[in-house]
């Protein structure tokens, strides 16, 4: 009789495990993508391996920021005005690579 409701504690544990599962799935996705980059870059037939590598890494950094936003939103219940800041910051690596590669865009096939 310590004043703690057991049902409330179970509810919090269930919610945190749901958030943890989402973070684990996102982390596994990023690890798989990071693991595939060397195979693509080493077997690239064109001579622009550093450009390709920088494009992939900037995309992965943006995906990582979005996973962080999702996790932070689940755990902290962010307000909508705070949710607007993180996607803006997350798009900066892609925009910088776009600027550095002389405004060229390619569709990866």
Protein backbone atom coordinates (compact mmCIF):
# COMPACT_ATOMS: atom_id res chain seq x y z
CA UNK A 1 0.00 0.00 0.00
CA UNK A 2 2.67 2.48 -1.09
CA UNK A 3 0.19 4.63 -3.01
CA UNK A 4 1.40 3.51 -6.46
CA UNK A 5 -1.23 2.17 -8.79
CA UNK A 6 0.02 -1.08 -10.34
CA UNK A 7 -2.14 -0.66 -13.44
CA UNK A 8 -0.66 2.78 -14.11
CA UNK A 9 2.86 1.36 -13.85
CA UNK A 10 2.01 -1.43 -16.27
CA UNK A 11 0.60 1.12 -18.71
CA UNK A 12 3.79 3.19 -18.61
CA UNK A 13 5.91 0.07 -19.14
CA UNK A 14 3.81 -0.93 -22.15
CA UNK A 15 4.10 2.55 -23.69
CA UNK A 16 7.88 2.69 -23.19
CA UNK A 17 8.35 -0.76 -24.69
CA UNK A 18 6.38 0.36 -27.75
CA UNK A 19 8.69 3.37 -28.15
CA UNK A 20 11.73 1.21 -27.57
CA UNK A 21 10.60 -1.18 -30.30
CA UNK A 22 10.28 1.69 -32.77
CA UNK A 23 13.76 2.93 -31.91
CA UNK A 24 15.21 -0.56 -32.32
CA UNK A 25 13.59 -1.01 -35.73
CA UNK A 26 14.92 2.38 -36.85
CA UNK A 27 18.39 1.54 -35.58
CA UNK A 28 18.43 -1.80 -37.40
CA UNK A 29 17.33 -0.03 -40.59
CA UNK A 30 20.18 2.47 -40.30
CA UNK A 31 22.74 -0.25 -39.56
CA UNK A 32 21.60 -2.17 -42.64
CA UNK A 33 21.88 0.92 -44.81
CA UNK A 34 25.32 1.78 -43.43
CA UNK A 35 26.39 -1.81 -44.09
CA UNK A 36 25.32 -1.65 -47.73
CA UNK A 37 27.14 1.58 -48.61
CA UNK A 38 30.61 0.01 -49.09
CA UNK A 39 29.23 -2.58 -51.50
CA UNK A 40 27.57 0.06 -53.64
CA UNK A 41 30.50 2.47 -53.61
CA UNK A 42 33.14 -0.19 -54.30
CA UNK A 43 31.16 -1.64 -57.20
CA UNK A 44 30.28 1.76 -58.65
CA UNK A 45 31.25 1.93 -62.31
CA UNK A 46 31.53 5.70 -62.57
CA UNK A 47 34.42 7.68 -61.14
CA UNK A 48 32.31 9.77 -58.77
CA UNK A 49 32.59 7.55 -55.72
CA UNK A 50 33.19 10.41 -53.28
CA UNK A 51 30.20 12.33 -54.61
CA UNK A 52 28.05 9.24 -54.36
CA UNK A 53 29.33 8.51 -50.87
CA UNK A 54 28.60 12.04 -49.71
CA UNK A 55 25.07 11.82 -51.12
CA UNK A 56 24.38 8.54 -49.35
CA UNK A 57 25.82 9.74 -46.05
CA UNK A 58 23.80 12.94 -46.13
CA UNK A 59 20.64 10.95 -46.83
CA UNK A 60 21.43 8.61 -43.92
CA UNK A 61 22.05 11.56 -41.62
CA UNK A 62 18.66 12.99 -42.56
CA UNK A 63 16.97 9.62 -41.95
CA UNK A 64 18.73 9.39 -38.58
CA UNK A 65 17.44 12.84 -37.63
CA UNK A 66 13.89 11.83 -38.56
CA UNK A 67 14.14 8.67 -36.45
CA UNK A 68 15.32 10.87 -33.58
CA UNK A 69 12.35 13.19 -34.16
CA UNK A 70 9.93 10.25 -34.06
CA UNK A 71 11.43 8.89 -30.87
CA UNK A 72 11.54 12.32 -29.21
CA UNK A 73 7.94 12.97 -30.22
CA UNK A 74 6.79 9.65 -28.77
CA UNK A 75 8.62 10.08 -25.49
CA UNK A 76 8.37 13.83 -24.92
CA UNK A 77 5.05 14.61 -26.69
CA UNK A 78 6.51 17.57 -28.59
CA UNK A 79 4.34 20.46 -29.65
CA UNK A 80 3.77 21.06 -33.34
CA UNK A 81 5.99 24.15 -33.43
CA UNK A 82 8.91 22.09 -32.17
CA UNK A 83 8.20 19.43 -34.77
CA UNK A 84 8.77 22.02 -37.50
CA UNK A 85 12.34 22.76 -36.42
CA UNK A 86 13.79 19.23 -36.61
CA UNK A 87 12.78 18.44 -40.23
CA UNK A 88 14.27 21.77 -41.27
CA UNK A 89 17.55 20.92 -39.57
CA UNK A 90 17.41 17.36 -40.93
CA UNK A 91 17.17 18.60 -44.52
CA UNK A 92 20.37 20.68 -44.23
CA UNK A 93 22.81 17.81 -45.07
CA UNK A 94 20.92 17.01 -48.27
CA UNK A 95 20.78 20.67 -49.25
CA UNK A 96 24.50 21.10 -48.60
CA UNK A 97 25.37 18.12 -50.81
CA UNK A 98 23.06 19.51 -53.48
CA UNK A 99 24.89 22.84 -53.29
CA UNK A 100 28.37 21.28 -53.31
CA UNK A 101 27.64 18.97 -56.27
CA UNK A 102 26.83 22.00 -58.42
CA UNK A 103 23.06 21.71 -58.19
CA UNK A 104 22.98 18.32 -59.90
CA UNK A 105 20.30 15.81 -59.02
CA UNK A 106 20.18 12.17 -60.02
CA UNK A 107 17.65 9.42 -59.63
CA UNK A 108 19.35 6.38 -58.14
CA UNK A 109 18.30 3.28 -60.05
